[in-house]
Structure formats: structure tokens, C-alpha cells
C-alpha atoms as a PDB file:
ATOM      1  CA  UNK A   1      -0.668  58.797  -8.325  1.00  0.00           C
ATOM      2  CA  UNK A   2       2.318  57.473 -10.295  1.00  0.00           C
ATOM      3  CA  UNK A   3       4.662  59.243  -7.953  1.00  0.00           C
ATOM      4  CA  UNK A   4       2.935  57.536  -5.027  1.00  0.00           C
ATOM      5  CA  UNK A   5       3.337  54.092  -6.615  1.00  0.00           C
ATOM      6  CA  UNK A   6       7.024  54.883  -7.353  1.00  0.00           C
ATOM      7  CA  UNK A   7       7.608  55.897  -3.741  1.00  0.00           C
ATOM      8  CA  UNK A   8       5.915  52.757  -2.422  1.00  0.00           C
ATOM      9  CA  UNK A   9       7.921  50.513  -4.753  1.00  0.00           C
ATOM     10  CA  UNK A  10      11.154  52.264  -3.749  1.00  0.00           C
ATOM     11  CA  UNK A  11      10.257  51.827  -0.070  1.00  0.00           C
ATOM     12  CA  UNK A  12       9.672  48.076  -0.512  1.00  0.00           C
ATOM     13  CA  UNK A  13      12.887  47.766  -2.454  1.00  0.00           C
ATOM     14  CA  UNK A  14      14.866  49.589   0.280  1.00  0.00           C
ATOM     15  CA  UNK A  15      13.158  47.364   2.911  1.00  0.00           C
ATOM     16  CA  UNK A  16      14.137  44.214   1.047  1.00  0.00           C
ATOM     17  CA  UNK A  17      17.732  45.399   0.600  1.00  0.00           C
ATOM     18  CA  UNK A  18      17.896  46.301   4.298  1.00  0.00           C
ATOM     19  CA  UNK A  19      16.460  42.912   5.272  1.00  0.00           C
ATOM     20  CA  UNK A  20      18.841  41.097   2.976  1.00  0.00           C
ATOM     21  CA  UNK A  21      21.776  42.725   4.673  1.00  0.00           C
ATOM     22  CA  UNK A  22      20.836  40.870   7.872  1.00  0.00           C
ATOM     23  CA  UNK A  23      20.561  37.517   6.118  1.00  0.00           C
ATOM     24  CA  UNK A  24      23.461  35.154   6.936  1.00  0.00           C
ATOM     25  CA  UNK A  25      25.798  34.010   4.201  1.00  0.00           C
ATOM     26  CA  UNK A  26      25.204  30.308   4.795  1.00  0.00           C
ATOM     27  CA  UNK A  27      22.868  28.288   2.537  1.00  0.00           C
ATOM     28  CA  UNK A  28      20.246  27.706   5.297  1.00  0.00           C
ATOM     29  CA  UNK A  29      19.859  31.448   5.996  1.00  0.00           C
ATOM     30  CA  UNK A  30      19.562  32.147   2.282  1.00  0.00           C
ATOM     31  CA  UNK A  31      17.063  29.353   1.836  1.00  0.00           C
ATOM     32  CA  UNK A  32      14.915  30.752   4.710  1.00  0.00           C
ATOM     33  CA  UNK A  33      15.034  34.216   3.157  1.00  0.00           C
ATOM     34  CA  UNK A  34      13.593  32.989  -0.073  1.00  0.00           C
ATOM     35  CA  UNK A  35      11.245  30.628   1.670  1.00  0.00           C
ATOM     36  CA  UNK A  36       9.705  33.608   3.475  1.00  0.00           C
ATOM     37  CA  UNK A  37       9.314  35.267   0.129  1.00  0.00           C
ATOM     38  CA  UNK A  38       7.627  32.060  -1.159  1.00  0.00           C
ATOM     39  CA  UNK A  39      10.224  31.714  -3.863  1.00  0.00           C
ATOM     40  CA  UNK A  40      10.602  27.954  -3.515  1.00  0.00           C
ATOM     41  CA  UNK A  41      12.989  27.450  -6.464  1.00  0.00           C
ATOM     42  CA  UNK A  42      15.507  29.775  -4.954  1.00  0.00           C
ATOM     43  CA  UNK A  43      14.969  28.262  -1.509  1.00  0.00           C
ATOM     44  CA  UNK A  44      15.666  24.869  -2.987  1.00  0.00           C
ATOM     45  CA  UNK A  45      18.915  26.102  -4.610  1.00  0.00           C
ATOM     46  CA  UNK A  46      20.332  27.287  -1.356  1.00  0.00           C
ATOM     47  CA  UNK A  47      19.112  24.458   0.870  1.00  0.00           C
ATOM     48  CA  UNK A  48      20.702  22.064  -1.595  1.00  0.00           C
ATOM     49  CA  UNK A  49      23.957  23.954  -1.223  1.00  0.00           C
ATOM     50  CA  UNK A  50      23.620  23.732   2.520  1.00  0.00           C
ATOM     51  CA  UNK A  51      23.096  19.962   2.354  1.00  0.00           C
ATOM     52  CA  UNK A  52      26.580  19.468   0.854  1.00  0.00           C
ATOM     53  CA  UNK A  53      28.305  22.193   2.844  1.00  0.00           C
ATOM     54  CA  UNK A  54      30.448  20.356   5.431  1.00  0.00           C
ATOM     55  CA  UNK A  55      30.264  23.425   7.787  1.00  0.00           C
ATOM     56  CA  UNK A  56      26.519  23.171   8.247  1.00  0.00           C
ATOM     57  CA  UNK A  57      25.241  19.795   6.948  1.00  0.00           C
ATOM     58  CA  UNK A  58      25.774  18.233  10.331  1.00  0.00           C
ATOM     59  CA  UNK A  59      23.237  20.557  11.876  1.00  0.00           C
ATOM     60  CA  UNK A  60      19.631  19.379  12.380  1.00  0.00           C
ATOM     61  CA  UNK A  61      18.132  22.604  11.053  1.00  0.00           C
ATOM     62  CA  UNK A  62      19.691  21.983   7.588  1.00  0.00           C
ATOM     63  CA  UNK A  63      17.769  18.819   7.153  1.00  0.00           C
ATOM     64  CA  UNK A  64      14.628  20.046   8.750  1.00  0.00           C
ATOM     65  CA  UNK A  65      14.369  22.982   6.392  1.00  0.00           C
ATOM     66  CA  UNK A  66      15.359  20.774   3.443  1.00  0.00           C
ATOM     67  CA  UNK A  67      12.506  18.477   4.347  1.00  0.00           C
ATOM     68  CA  UNK A  68      10.143  21.441   4.728  1.00  0.00           C
ATOM     69  CA  UNK A  69      11.145  23.104   1.451  1.00  0.00           C
ATOM     70  CA  UNK A  70      10.861  19.878  -0.559  1.00  0.00           C
ATOM     71  CA  UNK A  71       7.490  19.156   1.042  1.00  0.00           C
ATOM     72  CA  UNK A  72       6.269  22.548  -0.111  1.00  0.00           C
ATOM     73  CA  UNK A  73       7.697  21.905  -3.547  1.00  0.00           C
ATOM     74  CA  UNK A  74       5.769  18.648  -3.668  1.00  0.00           C
ATOM     75  CA  UNK A  75       2.511  20.372  -2.617  1.00  0.00           C
ATOM     76  CA  UNK A  76       2.800  23.140  -5.195  1.00  0.00           C
ATOM     77  CA  UNK A  77       4.365  21.303  -8.167  1.00  0.00           C
ATOM     78  CA  UNK A  78       3.935  17.504  -7.934  1.00  0.00           C
ATOM     79  CA  UNK A  79       0.810  16.906  -5.906  1.00  0.00           C
ATOM     80  CA  UNK A  80      -0.669  14.801  -8.686  1.00  0.00           C
ATOM     81  CA  UNK A  81       2.540  12.944  -9.417  1.00  0.00           C
ATOM     82  CA  UNK A  82       2.418   9.494  -7.828  1.00  0.00           C
ATOM     83  CA  UNK A  83       6.166   9.171  -8.487  1.00  0.00           C
ATOM     84  CA  UNK A  84       7.040  12.598  -7.019  1.00  0.00           C
ATOM     85  CA  UNK A  85      10.777  13.021  -6.449  1.00  0.00           C
ATOM     86  CA  UNK A  86      10.138  16.084  -4.309  1.00  0.00           C
ATOM     87  CA  UNK A  87       8.198  13.952  -1.906  1.00  0.00           C
ATOM     88  CA  UNK A  88      10.894  11.302  -1.705  1.00  0.00           C
ATOM     89  CA  UNK A  89      13.556  13.947  -1.191  1.00  0.00           C
ATOM     90  CA  UNK A  90      11.507  15.443   1.612  1.00  0.00           C
ATOM     91  CA  UNK A  91      11.217  12.064   3.387  1.00  0.00           C
ATOM     92  CA  UNK A  92      14.924  11.386   2.826  1.00  0.00           C
ATOM     93  CA  UNK A  93      15.856  14.730   4.414  1.00  0.00           C
ATOM     94  CA  UNK A  94      13.539  14.122   7.446  1.00  0.00           C
ATOM     95  CA  UNK A  95      15.077  10.627   7.805  1.00  0.00           C
ATOM     96  CA  UNK A  96      18.478  12.352   8.047  1.00  0.00           C
ATOM     97  CA  UNK A  97      17.034  14.760  10.569  1.00  0.00           C
ATOM     98  CA  UNK A  98      15.938  11.938  12.915  1.00  0.00           C
ATOM     99  CA  UNK A  99      19.433  10.608  12.877  1.00  0.00           C
ATOM    100  CA  UNK A 100      21.237  13.804  13.901  1.00  0.00           C
ATOM    101  CA  UNK A 101      18.509  15.709  15.876  1.00  0.00           C
ATOM    102  CA  UNK A 102      19.786  14.432  19.283  1.00  0.00           C
ATOM    103  CA  UNK A 103      18.126  17.267  21.146  1.00  0.00           C
ATOM    104  CA  UNK A 104      14.795  16.475  19.453  1.00  0.00           C
ATOM    105  CA  UNK A 105      14.401  20.161  18.635  1.00  0.00           C
ATOM    106  CA  UNK A 106      12.367  19.390  15.477  1.00  0.00           C
ATOM    107  CA  UNK A 107      10.779  16.074  16.430  1.00  0.00           C
ATOM    108  CA  UNK A 108       7.126  17.269  16.751  1.00  0.00           C
ATOM    109  CA  UNK A 109       7.186  19.329  13.623  1.00  0.00           C
ATOM    110  CA  UNK A 110       9.036  16.673  11.700  1.00  0.00           C
ATOM    111  CA  UNK A 111       6.570  14.024  12.757  1.00  0.00           C
ATOM    112  CA  UNK A 112       3.692  16.133  11.426  1.00  0.00           C
ATOM    113  CA  UNK A 113       5.386  16.470   8.042  1.00  0.00           C
ATOM    114  CA  UNK A 114       6.134  12.806   7.863  1.00  0.00           C
ATOM    115  CA  UNK A 115       2.496  11.975   8.702  1.00  0.00           C
ATOM    116  CA  UNK A 116       1.351  14.274   5.919  1.00  0.00           C
ATOM    117  CA  UNK A 117       3.736  12.793   3.383  1.00  0.00           C
ATOM    118  CA  UNK A 118       2.775   9.213   4.447  1.00  0.00           C
ATOM    119  CA  UNK A 119      -0.926  10.018   3.970  1.00  0.00           C
ATOM    120  CA  UNK A 120      -0.267  11.204   0.421  1.00  0.00           C
ATOM    121  CA  UNK A 121       1.611   7.933  -0.293  1.00  0.00           C
ATOM    122  CA  UNK A 122      -1.320   5.914   1.085  1.00  0.00           C
ATOM    123  CA  UNK A 123      -3.818   7.832  -1.045  1.00  0.00           C
ATOM    124  CA  UNK A 124      -1.716   7.423  -4.154  1.00  0.00           C
ATOM    125  CA  UNK A 125      -1.417   3.690  -3.460  1.00  0.00           C
ATOM    126  CA  UNK A 126      -5.166   3.346  -3.078  1.00  0.00           C
ATOM    127  CA  UNK A 127      -5.746   5.284  -6.370  1.00  0.00           C
ATOM    128  CA  UNK A 128      -3.208   3.149  -8.210  1.00  0.00           C
ATOM    129  CA  UNK A 129      -4.862  -0.126  -7.452  1.00  0.00           C
ATOM    130  CA  UNK A 130      -5.597  -0.944 -11.073  1.00  0.00           C
ATOM    131  CA  UNK A 131      -4.327  -3.852 -13.356  1.00  0.00           C
ATOM    132  CA  UNK A 132      -1.999  -1.383 -15.116  1.00  0.00           C
ATOM    133  CA  UNK A 133      -0.517   0.435 -12.094  1.00  0.00           C
ATOM    134  CA  UNK A 134      -0.735  -2.000  -9.159  1.00  0.00           C
ATOM    135  CA  UNK A 135       3.017  -2.297  -8.918  1.00  0.00           C
ATOM    136  CA  UNK A 136       3.241   1.411  -8.364  1.00  0.00           C
ATOM    137  CA  UNK A 137       0.518   1.061  -5.758  1.00  0.00           C
ATOM    138  CA  UNK A 138       2.545  -1.618  -3.967  1.00  0.00           C
ATOM    139  CA  UNK A 139       5.659   0.605  -4.099  1.00  0.00           C
ATOM    140  CA  UNK A 140       3.859   3.607  -2.678  1.00  0.00           C
ATOM    141  CA  UNK A 141       2.223   1.531   0.040  1.00  0.00           C
ATOM    142  CA  UNK A 142       5.625   0.140   1.120  1.00  0.00           C
ATOM    143  CA  UNK A 143       6.977   3.743   1.246  1.00  0.00           C
ATOM    144  CA  UNK A 144       3.880   4.722   3.248  1.00  0.00           C
ATOM    145  CA  UNK A 145       4.720   2.118   5.882  1.00  0.00           C
ATOM    146  CA  UNK A 146       8.453   3.108   5.973  1.00  0.00           C
ATOM    147  CA  UNK A 147       7.463   6.766   6.419  1.00  0.00           C
ATOM    148  CA  UNK A 148       4.927   6.023   9.163  1.00  0.00           C
ATOM    149  CA  UNK A 149       7.546   3.938  11.067  1.00  0.00           C
ATOM    150  CA  UNK A 150      10.047   6.800  10.589  1.00  0.00           C
ATOM    151  CA  UNK A 151       7.530   9.159  12.240  1.00  0.00           C
ATOM    152  CA  UNK A 152       6.700   6.696  15.013  1.00  0.00           C
ATOM    153  CA  UNK A 153       8.740   3.477  15.359  1.00  0.00           C
ATOM    154  CA  UNK A 154       5.995   1.954  17.543  1.00  0.00           C
ATOM    155  CA  UNK A 155       3.146   2.600  15.146  1.00  0.00           C
ATOM    156  CA  UNK A 156       0.842  -0.404  14.474  1.00  0.00           C
ATOM    157  CA  UNK A 157       0.205  -0.921  10.740  1.00  0.00           C
ATOM    158  CA  UNK A 158      -1.096  -4.491  10.537  1.00  0.00           C
ATOM    159  CA  UNK A 159      -4.709  -3.458   9.901  1.00  0.00           C
ATOM    160  CA  UNK A 160      -3.717  -1.137   7.030  1.00  0.00           C
ATOM    161  CA  UNK A 161      -1.440  -3.844   5.603  1.00  0.00           C
ATOM    162  CA  UNK A 162      -4.266  -6.426   5.673  1.00  0.00           C
ATOM    163  CA  UNK A 163      -6.735  -4.004   4.115  1.00  0.00           C
ATOM    164  CA  UNK A 164      -4.295  -3.086   1.298  1.00  0.00           C
ATOM    165  CA  UNK A 165      -3.386  -6.681   0.531  1.00  0.00           C
ATOM    166  CA  UNK A 166      -7.020  -7.797   0.445  1.00  0.00           C
ATOM    167  CA  UNK A 167      -7.891  -4.974  -1.932  1.00  0.00           C
ATOM    168  CA  UNK A 168      -4.836  -5.819  -4.165  1.00  0.00           C
ATOM    169  CA  UNK A 169      -5.646  -9.542  -4.292  1.00  0.00           C
ATOM    170  CA  UNK A 170      -9.335  -8.921  -4.955  1.00  0.00           C
ATOM    171  CA  UNK A 171      -8.565  -6.508  -7.788  1.00  0.00           C
ATOM    172  CA  UNK A 172      -6.080  -8.901  -9.401  1.00  0.00           C
ATOM    173  CA  UNK A 173      -8.490 -11.824  -9.040  1.00  0.00           C
ATOM    174  CA  UNK A 174     -11.454  -9.985 -10.517  1.00  0.00           C
ATOM    175  CA  UNK A 175      -9.392  -8.712 -13.422  1.00  0.00           C
ATOM    176  CA  UNK A 176      -7.993 -12.120 -14.126  1.00  0.00           C
ATOM    177  CA  UNK A 177     -11.423 -13.641 -14.209  1.00  0.00           C
ATOM    178  CA  UNK A 178     -13.009 -10.898 -16.320  1.00  0.00           C
ATOM    179  CA  UNK A 179     -10.165 -10.783 -18.818  1.00  0.00           C
ATOM    180  CA  UNK A 180      -9.677 -14.521 -19.046  1.00  0.00           C
ATOM    181  CA  UNK A 181      -5.975 -14.124 -18.141  1.00  0.00           C
ATOM    182  CA  UNK A 182      -5.963 -16.637 -15.332  1.00  0.00           C
ATOM    183  CA  UNK A 183      -2.619 -18.380 -15.940  1.00  0.00           C
ATOM    184  CA  UNK A 184      -0.795 -20.409 -13.274  1.00  0.00           C
ATOM    185  CA  UNK A 185       1.580 -17.555 -12.452  1.00  0.00           C
ATOM    186  CA  UNK A 186      -1.242 -15.126 -11.831  1.00  0.00           C
ATOM    187  CA  UNK A 187      -3.079 -17.669  -9.637  1.00  0.00           C
ATOM    188  CA  UNK A 188      -0.007 -18.260  -7.545  1.00  0.00           C
ATOM    189  CA  UNK A 189       0.536 -14.532  -7.147  1.00  0.00           C
ATOM    190  CA  UNK A 190      -3.048 -14.018  -5.940  1.00  0.00           C
ATOM    191  CA  UNK A 191      -2.873 -17.014  -3.522  1.00  0.00           C
ATOM    192  CA  UNK A 192       0.412 -15.727  -2.193  1.00  0.00           C
ATOM    193  CA  UNK A 193      -1.068 -12.323  -1.324  1.00  0.00           C
ATOM    194  CA  UNK A 194      -4.026 -13.916   0.486  1.00  0.00           C
ATOM    195  CA  UNK A 195      -1.552 -16.136   2.394  1.00  0.00           C
ATOM    196  CA  UNK A 196       0.343 -12.943   3.377  1.00  0.00           C
ATOM    197  CA  UNK A 197      -2.892 -11.672   4.858  1.00  0.00           C
ATOM    198  CA  UNK A 198      -3.366 -14.865   6.802  1.00  0.00           C
ATOM    199  CA  UNK A 199       0.226 -14.565   8.177  1.00  0.00           C
ATOM    200  CA  UNK A 200      -0.733 -11.117   9.439  1.00  0.00           C
ATOM    201  CA  UNK A 201      -4.223 -11.981  10.610  1.00  0.00           C
ATOM    202  CA  UNK A 202      -4.792 -15.692  11.114  1.00  0.00           C
ATOM    203  CA  UNK A 203      -8.528 -15.096  11.726  1.00  0.00           C
ATOM    204  CA  UNK A 204      -9.245 -13.263   8.464  1.00  0.00           C
ATOM    205  CA  UNK A 205     -12.152 -15.215   7.106  1.00  0.00           C
ATOM    206  CA  UNK A 206     -12.045 -13.537   3.705  1.00  0.00           C
ATOM    207  CA  UNK A 207      -8.377 -14.517   3.082  1.00  0.00           C
ATOM    208  CA  UNK A 208      -9.063 -18.113   4.151  1.00  0.00           C
ATOM    209  CA  UNK A 209     -12.142 -18.391   1.937  1.00  0.00           C
ATOM    210  CA  UNK A 210     -10.383 -16.982  -1.136  1.00  0.00           C
ATOM    211  CA  UNK A 211      -7.416 -19.286  -0.794  1.00  0.00           C
ATOM    212  CA  UNK A 212      -9.813 -22.216  -0.487  1.00  0.00           C
ATOM    213  CA  UNK A 213     -11.757 -21.123  -3.543  1.00  0.00           C
ATOM    214  CA  UNK A 214      -8.594 -20.632  -5.616  1.00  0.00           C
ATOM    215  CA  UNK A 215      -7.404 -24.204  -4.861  1.00  0.00           C
ATOM    216  CA  UNK A 216     -10.880 -25.585  -5.471  1.00  0.00           C
ATOM    217  CA  UNK A 217     -11.126 -23.736  -8.842  1.00  0.00           C
ATOM    218  CA  UNK A 218      -7.761 -25.156  -9.874  1.00  0.00           C
ATOM    219  CA  UNK A 219      -9.154 -28.635  -9.419  1.00  0.00           C
ATOM    220  CA  UNK A 220     -12.500 -27.746 -11.079  1.00  0.00           C
ATOM    221  CA  UNK A 221     -10.650 -26.367 -14.115  1.00  0.00           C
ATOM    222  CA  UNK A 222      -8.737 -29.589 -14.522  1.00  0.00           C
ATOM    223  CA  UNK A 223     -11.864 -31.708 -14.293  1.00  0.00           C
ATOM    224  CA  UNK A 224     -13.877 -29.447 -16.671  1.00  0.00           C
ATOM    225  CA  UNK A 225     -11.082 -29.682 -19.273  1.00  0.00           C
ATOM    226  CA  UNK A 226     -10.360 -33.327 -18.872  1.00  0.00           C
ATOM    227  CA  UNK A 227     -10.365 -35.536 -21.899  1.00  0.00           C
ATOM    228  CA  UNK A 228     -11.844 -38.769 -20.823  1.00  0.00           C
ATOM    229  CA  UNK A 229     -10.534 -40.536 -23.911  1.00  0.00           C
ATOM    230  CA  UNK A 230      -6.988 -40.232 -22.569  1.00  0.00           C
ATOM    231  CA  UNK A 231      -5.177 -43.345 -21.332  1.00  0.00           C
ATOM    232  CA  UNK A 232      -6.000 -44.598 -17.914  1.00  0.00           C
ATOM    233  CA  UNK A 233      -2.578 -43.796 -16.453  1.00  0.00           C
ATOM    234  CA  UNK A 234      -2.815 -40.140 -17.370  1.00  0.00           C
ATOM    235  CA  UNK A 235      -6.457 -39.962 -16.099  1.00  0.00           C
ATOM    236  CA  UNK A 236      -5.349 -41.385 -12.740  1.00  0.00           C
ATOM    237  CA  UNK A 237      -2.509 -38.820 -12.588  1.00  0.00           C
ATOM    238  CA  UNK A 238      -4.950 -35.914 -13.141  1.00  0.00           C
ATOM    239  CA  UNK A 239      -7.397 -37.330 -10.612  1.00  0.00           C
ATOM    240  CA  UNK A 240      -4.598 -37.422  -7.987  1.00  0.00           C
ATOM    241  CA  UNK A 241      -3.679 -33.819  -8.757  1.00  0.00           C
ATOM    242  CA  UNK A 242      -7.365 -32.841  -8.256  1.00  0.00           C
ATOM    243  CA  UNK A 243      -7.594 -34.695  -4.978  1.00  0.00           C
ATOM    244  CA  UNK A 244      -4.421 -32.965  -3.738  1.00  0.00           C
ATOM    245  CA  UNK A 245      -5.886 -29.564  -4.673  1.00  0.00           C
ATOM    246  CA  UNK A 246      -9.183 -30.329  -2.878  1.00  0.00           C
ATOM    247  CA  UNK A 247      -7.220 -31.360   0.154  1.00  0.00           C
ATOM    248  CA  UNK A 248      -5.280 -28.058   0.015  1.00  0.00           C
ATOM    249  CA  UNK A 249      -8.511 -26.147  -0.233  1.00  0.00           C
ATOM    250  CA  UNK A 250     -10.227 -27.936   2.603  1.00  0.00           C
ATOM    251  CA  UNK A 251      -8.446 -26.444   5.709  1.00  0.00           C
ATOM    252  CA  UNK A 252      -8.842 -22.935   4.394  1.00  0.00           C
ATOM    253  CA  UNK A 253     -12.524 -23.336   3.624  1.00  0.00           C
ATOM    254  CA  UNK A 254     -13.029 -25.083   6.999  1.00  0.00           C
ATOM    255  CA  UNK A 255     -11.324 -22.242   8.844  1.00  0.00           C
ATOM    256  CA  UNK A 256     -13.435 -19.702   7.015  1.00  0.00           C
ATOM    257  CA  UNK A 257     -16.497 -21.663   8.096  1.00  0.00           C
ATOM    258  CA  UNK A 258     -15.387 -21.756  11.672  1.00  0.00           C
ATOM    259  CA  UNK A 259     -14.886 -17.963  11.590  1.00  0.00           C
ATOM    260  CA  UNK A 260     -18.442 -17.494  10.357  1.00  0.00           C
ATOM    261  CA  UNK A 261     -17.321 -15.778   7.167  1.00  0.00           C
ATOM    262  CA  UNK A 262     -20.007 -15.647   4.437  1.00  0.00           C
ATOM    263  CA  UNK A 263     -21.787 -18.747   5.749  1.00  0.00           C
ATOM    264  CA  UNK A 264     -23.774 -19.691   2.642  1.00  0.00           C
ATOM    265  CA  UNK A 265     -20.844 -19.476   0.221  1.00  0.00           C
ATOM    266  CA  UNK A 266     -18.564 -21.215   2.652  1.00  0.00           C
ATOM    267  CA  UNK A 267     -20.986 -24.081   3.081  1.00  0.00           C
ATOM    268  CA  UNK A 268     -21.336 -24.402  -0.696  1.00  0.00           C
ATOM    269  CA  UNK A 269     -17.541 -24.478  -0.851  1.00  0.00           C
ATOM    270  CA  UNK A 270     -17.264 -27.258   1.768  1.00  0.00           C
ATOM    271  CA  UNK A 271     -20.021 -29.247   0.118  1.00  0.00           C
ATOM    272  CA  UNK A 272     -18.266 -29.091  -3.275  1.00  0.00           C
ATOM    273  CA  UNK A 273     -14.879 -29.930  -1.860  1.00  0.00           C
ATOM    274  CA  UNK A 274     -16.137 -33.047  -0.128  1.00  0.00           C
ATOM    275  CA  UNK A 275     -17.956 -33.949  -3.373  1.00  0.00           C
ATOM    276  CA  UNK A 276     -14.597 -33.679  -5.163  1.00  0.00           C
ATOM    277  CA  UNK A 277     -13.101 -35.946  -2.508  1.00  0.00           C
ATOM    278  CA  UNK A 278     -15.850 -38.479  -2.905  1.00  0.00           C
ATOM    279  CA  UNK A 279     -16.734 -38.177   0.749  1.00  0.00           C
ATOM    280  CA  UNK A 280     -20.505 -38.469   0.459  1.00  0.00           C
ATOM    281  CA  UNK A 281     -21.155 -38.481   4.194  1.00  0.00           C
ATOM    282  CA  UNK A 282     -19.566 -35.116   4.859  1.00  0.00           C
ATOM    283  CA  UNK A 283     -20.919 -33.708   1.611  1.00  0.00           C
ATOM    284  CA  UNK A 284     -24.423 -34.502   2.846  1.00  0.00           C
ATOM    285  CA  UNK A 285     -23.723 -32.987   6.278  1.00  0.00           C
ATOM    286  CA  UNK A 286     -22.881 -29.624   4.775  1.00  0.00           C
ATOM    287  CA  UNK A 287     -25.652 -29.930   2.211  1.00  0.00           C
ATOM    288  CA  UNK A 288     -28.248 -30.368   4.990  1.00  0.00           C
ATOM    289  CA  UNK A 289     -26.798 -27.412   6.890  1.00  0.00           C
ATOM    290  CA  UNK A 290     -27.004 -25.389   3.634  1.00  0.00           C
ATOM    291  CA  UNK A 291     -30.638 -26.415   3.308  1.00  0.00           C
ATOM    292  CA  UNK A 292     -31.345 -25.379   6.878  1.00  0.00           C
ATOM    293  CA  UNK A 293     -29.653 -22.030   6.175  1.00  0.00           C
ATOM    294  CA  UNK A 294     -31.924 -21.513   3.152  1.00  0.00           C
ATOM    295  CA  UNK A 295     -35.046 -22.695   4.907  1.00  0.00           C
ATOM    296  CA  UNK A 296     -37.646 -19.927   5.425  1.00  0.00           C
ATOM    297  CA  UNK A 297     -38.191 -21.104   8.981  1.00  0.00           C
ATOM    298  CA  UNK A 298     -34.563 -20.156   9.723  1.00  0.00           C
ATOM    299  CA  UNK A 299     -34.846 -16.625   8.392  1.00  0.00           C
END
């Protein structure tokens, strides 16, 4: 039995030696040899050599196989690393490939790899939407978009962009409210993200509503914390600030209402904004509509 094992091992060794004799001396050939043997570290060593070898680093296959090998390294070693360097190196290599593969020999296969790598960036971005790691989430989402465009320059990503920004703004807003860390800088950051959504999708009722509420809440906070023993000049200044905030909130809340987004909450918002503006007539209009909405006969 031992003799049989010895003969089999010797046969495999001879086969490997014989196969190795047919392997080219360039880095790509050596990298492919070790890739076939699933020895990724050795494959990486030789494809890295090929990438700086002036005799072959102008060939499309060099960058295709570098992208492939680094993609495999990512899958086997850094799949759970949201900052994976192997993933970034794979994308970088495939970007180089698109620049020099004039015959489009590797276009289809390269596109599939880029789509896969982009999907992992998107998933990591979604999983990182927490108060502690949202900046990492934003970075990975930006890389996701870059990678998708690299795969297909005509790809449409507006819906994904809107979805991500809404989730980001909502998370930041909820955390700020729950933690009591609602400073002016944080408020402006959240407003800015919602306004970015509106720039991408002018008919996004959620974004309009949330910008309106944020402006309204700014005014409400000032009113609730106002010291009415202050001098009249300062009191008038604060009232003017509140009116300006209510006026800023109004077009966003009205647009949300026109779009039919969350009718009850939007009507409450409009009613309260007009109350803040001392416009009793319009406040009553929206109050009656709110009562009609709540009426059992209307349900």
C-alpha cells in the first residue's frame, strides 16, 4: 500500500515538473500556473511582477489576470473587510484594463467582475449605515457608483443614489433626536442630504417633507426656549428669525402636500407653519382638511 502511495506521489510530482517546463518565464504565465493550482499568494507575487514589467504591462491580459487574482484574494481573505485593499486593487487593475483593451477581448468577463465587486461595495455601504461608521458607508457607496460606471458608462444610478441618501439622512436624523445631539452643524448636514435628494428627484415627497420639518423644528426650538423677560429688541429679532424659518419650511411642506406624501402629517405641518406665521385663514383651511381626513365618513 505504501509503495502504491509512493508511486502515485512520484507520478504527480513528475507531472507537475513536466507541466512546469511548459510554463512561460513571464510573470503572467507564472501567475496563471499558480492560479490553476489555487495558490493565490504565489499567483499574486508573479502578477505583481508582471504589472511592473515593461515588456508585458502594456498587454490587456496582464491587467485582466491581476484583476481576477485580486478579486479571488478578496473573496478568500477579506470578504468581511469593508476596507479591503484586495478589492480596491482588483477594481484598479480592471480600470487599467478598460483603458488598454482596445480589442475588447476581456470586456464581457471584466464587466461581470466589476459588477460583482460593485455589489459587495453596495452591500458594505448598506451595512455601515450606523452613527459610528456612516462615513465609511458613504465612501463605499461612492466607490460602488464609480465601479458601476466603469462597468457600464451609461448605467442609471439615480434611484440607488436617492435610496442611499434617504437612508443616510433618516439614520442621522433619528440618532440625533434619540441622543439629544441635535446641534446646528448636524441639522445643516441632514438638511443638505435631503436637498441633494431633491436635486436628484424633484418629486420626492419624503425629502421635501423632511426639509420642511427640519426648518419648522428649528423655529419651534427657538420659540420653546425663548425667554420672554428679554428686552423687546431681542424678542423681535428672534421672532423675525422664526418667521424666516417658517417661510423656508413652507414651500417644502407645500410641495410634499401636492405630491400626496403622508397626507395627515403634511397637513399637520402646513397647519402649524401657518400658525407660526400668524396666518389664521390658511391655518383654518388646512385644519378643516385635516378634520375631513380624520372624519369617519371619509374612511
